Amino acid sequence: MPNIASSIRQVRTDKRRTLRNKNIRSRVKTDITKADKLITAGKFEEAKQAVTLAVRELDKAAVKGILHQNNASRRKSRLVARLNKATKPSA
């Protein structure tokens, strides 16, 4: 535990930020997992909605600085690619 007053205050704010960040990261992971499961199950209409929701949450996390913009973009790209590959009719 720090002895300096400013460091004590910083520890308190770090705890609050950590909780907020953990909550948002968890929500992002949950939305991506739900979308993946729907894609795997072949429920493409529901999967499109889930992917849209996951992309929205990724964008929010990136804007808030919880995820790096490139990290969010990479996750969105991979998720949409999985959806497109699954919905594409096989020739």
C-alpha atoms as a PDB file:
ATOM      1  CA  MET A   1       0.000   0.000   0.000  1.00  0.00           C
ATOM      2  CA  PRO A   2       1.447   3.385  -0.952  1.00  0.00           C
ATOM      3  CA  ASN A   3       2.223   6.058   1.620  1.00  0.00           C
ATOM      4  CA  ILE A   4       1.932   9.099  -0.633  1.00  0.00           C
ATOM      5  CA  ALA A   5      -1.519  10.714  -0.754  1.00  0.00           C
ATOM      6  CA  SER A   6      -1.649  11.026  -4.531  1.00  0.00           C
ATOM      7  CA  SER A   7      -0.646   7.367  -4.903  1.00  0.00           C
ATOM      8  CA  ILE A   8      -3.400   6.313  -2.490  1.00  0.00           C
ATOM      9  CA  ARG A   9      -5.944   8.205  -4.581  1.00  0.00           C
ATOM     10  CA  GLN A  10      -4.532   6.668  -7.757  1.00  0.00           C
ATOM     11  CA  VAL A  11      -5.003   3.163  -6.331  1.00  0.00           C
ATOM     12  CA  ARG A  12      -8.674   3.952  -5.678  1.00  0.00           C
ATOM     13  CA  THR A  13      -9.237   5.211  -9.223  1.00  0.00           C
ATOM     14  CA  ASP A  14      -7.356   2.231 -10.650  1.00  0.00           C
ATOM     15  CA  LYS A  15      -9.742  -0.129  -8.861  1.00  0.00           C
ATOM     16  CA  ARG A  16     -12.761   1.662 -10.327  1.00  0.00           C
ATOM     17  CA  ARG A  17     -11.291   1.647 -13.832  1.00  0.00           C
ATOM     18  CA  THR A  18     -10.313  -2.003 -13.554  1.00  0.00           C
ATOM     19  CA  LEU A  19     -13.859  -2.984 -12.625  1.00  0.00           C
ATOM     20  CA  ARG A  20     -15.318  -0.939 -15.478  1.00  0.00           C
ATOM     21  CA  ASN A  21     -12.831  -2.314 -17.990  1.00  0.00           C
ATOM     22  CA  LYS A  22     -13.372  -5.897 -16.820  1.00  0.00           C
ATOM     23  CA  ASN A  23     -17.131  -5.500 -17.199  1.00  0.00           C
ATOM     24  CA  ILE A  24     -16.854  -4.172 -20.748  1.00  0.00           C
ATOM     25  CA  ARG A  25     -14.250  -6.761 -21.815  1.00  0.00           C
ATOM     26  CA  SER A  26     -16.464  -9.519 -20.447  1.00  0.00           C
ATOM     27  CA  ARG A  27     -19.470  -8.192 -22.372  1.00  0.00           C
ATOM     28  CA  VAL A  28     -17.417  -8.072 -25.579  1.00  0.00           C
ATOM     29  CA  LYS A  29     -16.226 -11.662 -25.114  1.00  0.00           C
ATOM     30  CA  THR A  30     -19.755 -12.851 -24.334  1.00  0.00           C
ATOM     31  CA  ASP A  31     -21.199 -11.206 -27.449  1.00  0.00           C
ATOM     32  CA  ILE A  32     -18.480 -12.696 -29.667  1.00  0.00           C
ATOM     33  CA  THR A  33     -19.044 -16.153 -28.169  1.00  0.00           C
ATOM     34  CA  LYS A  34     -22.812 -15.919 -28.702  1.00  0.00           C
ATOM     35  CA  ALA A  35     -22.298 -14.916 -32.325  1.00  0.00           C
ATOM     36  CA  ASP A  36     -19.841 -17.790 -32.871  1.00  0.00           C
ATOM     37  CA  LYS A  37     -22.259 -20.323 -31.411  1.00  0.00           C
ATOM     38  CA  LEU A  38     -25.098 -19.087 -33.621  1.00  0.00           C
ATOM     39  CA  ILE A  39     -22.866 -19.230 -36.712  1.00  0.00           C
ATOM     40  CA  THR A  40     -21.823 -22.781 -35.833  1.00  0.00           C
ATOM     41  CA  ALA A  41     -25.445 -23.789 -35.219  1.00  0.00           C
ATOM     42  CA  GLY A  42     -26.444 -22.498 -38.651  1.00  0.00           C
ATOM     43  CA  LYS A  43     -28.901 -19.871 -37.362  1.00  0.00           C
ATOM     44  CA  PHE A  44     -27.731 -17.211 -39.759  1.00  0.00           C
ATOM     45  CA  GLU A  45     -30.451 -14.577 -39.259  1.00  0.00           C
ATOM     46  CA  GLU A  46     -29.893 -14.582 -35.499  1.00  0.00           C
ATOM     47  CA  ALA A  47     -26.147 -14.736 -36.082  1.00  0.00           C
ATOM     48  CA  LYS A  48     -26.241 -11.559 -38.195  1.00  0.00           C
ATOM     49  CA  GLN A  49     -27.946  -9.706 -35.363  1.00  0.00           C
ATOM     50  CA  ALA A  50     -25.474 -11.115 -32.835  1.00  0.00           C
ATOM     51  CA  VAL A  51     -22.514 -10.108 -35.028  1.00  0.00           C
ATOM     52  CA  THR A  52     -23.932  -6.590 -35.333  1.00  0.00           C
ATOM     53  CA  LEU A  53     -24.233  -6.378 -31.556  1.00  0.00           C
ATOM     54  CA  ALA A  54     -20.698  -7.718 -31.062  1.00  0.00           C
ATOM     55  CA  VAL A  55     -19.276  -5.218 -33.558  1.00  0.00           C
ATOM     56  CA  ARG A  56     -21.061  -2.403 -31.747  1.00  0.00           C
ATOM     57  CA  GLU A  57     -19.622  -3.497 -28.386  1.00  0.00           C
ATOM     58  CA  LEU A  58     -16.131  -3.802 -29.893  1.00  0.00           C
ATOM     59  CA  ASP A  59     -16.402  -0.266 -31.277  1.00  0.00           C
ATOM     60  CA  LYS A  60     -17.520   1.081 -27.910  1.00  0.00           C
ATOM     61  CA  ALA A  61     -14.629  -0.641 -26.146  1.00  0.00           C
ATOM     62  CA  ALA A  62     -12.165   0.785 -28.664  1.00  0.00           C
ATOM     63  CA  VAL A  63     -13.529   4.315 -28.337  1.00  0.00           C
ATOM     64  CA  LYS A  64     -13.286   4.124 -24.544  1.00  0.00           C
ATOM     65  CA  GLY A  65      -9.686   2.927 -24.799  1.00  0.00           C
ATOM     66  CA  ILE A  66     -10.354  -0.455 -23.236  1.00  0.00           C
ATOM     67  CA  LEU A  67      -9.268  -2.244 -26.405  1.00  0.00           C
ATOM     68  CA  HIS A  68      -6.786  -0.905 -28.919  1.00  0.00           C
ATOM     69  CA  GLN A  69      -8.439   0.155 -32.171  1.00  0.00           C
ATOM     70  CA  ASN A  70      -6.426  -2.378 -34.194  1.00  0.00           C
ATOM     71  CA  ASN A  71      -7.384  -5.166 -31.770  1.00  0.00           C
ATOM     72  CA  ALA A  72     -11.076  -4.306 -32.127  1.00  0.00           C
ATOM     73  CA  SER A  73     -10.771  -4.082 -35.919  1.00  0.00           C
ATOM     74  CA  ARG A  74      -9.044  -7.459 -36.101  1.00  0.00           C
ATOM     75  CA  ARG A  75     -11.724  -9.115 -33.969  1.00  0.00           C
ATOM     76  CA  LYS A  76     -14.515  -7.559 -36.047  1.00  0.00           C
ATOM     77  CA  SER A  77     -12.869  -8.647 -39.268  1.00  0.00           C
ATOM     78  CA  ARG A  78     -12.464 -12.240 -38.116  1.00  0.00           C
ATOM     79  CA  LEU A  79     -16.025 -12.433 -36.816  1.00  0.00           C
ATOM     80  CA  VAL A  80     -17.562 -11.066 -40.011  1.00  0.00           C
ATOM     81  CA  ALA A  81     -15.317 -13.335 -42.099  1.00  0.00           C
ATOM     82  CA  ARG A  82     -16.587 -16.381 -40.173  1.00  0.00           C
ATOM     83  CA  LEU A  83     -20.175 -15.265 -40.757  1.00  0.00           C
ATOM     84  CA  ASN A  84     -19.597 -14.672 -44.471  1.00  0.00           C
ATOM     85  CA  LYS A  85     -17.847 -18.010 -44.907  1.00  0.00           C
ATOM     86  CA  ALA A  86     -20.690 -19.844 -43.164  1.00  0.00           C
ATOM     87  CA  THR A  87     -23.473 -18.110 -45.112  1.00  0.00           C
ATOM     88  CA  LYS A  88     -21.777 -18.433 -48.498  1.00  0.00           C
ATOM     89  CA  PRO A  89     -23.457 -21.184 -50.534  1.00  0.00           C
ATOM     90  CA  SER A  90     -21.053 -23.991 -51.312  1.00  0.00           C
ATOM     91  CA  ALA A  91     -20.490 -24.484 -55.043  1.00  0.00           C
END
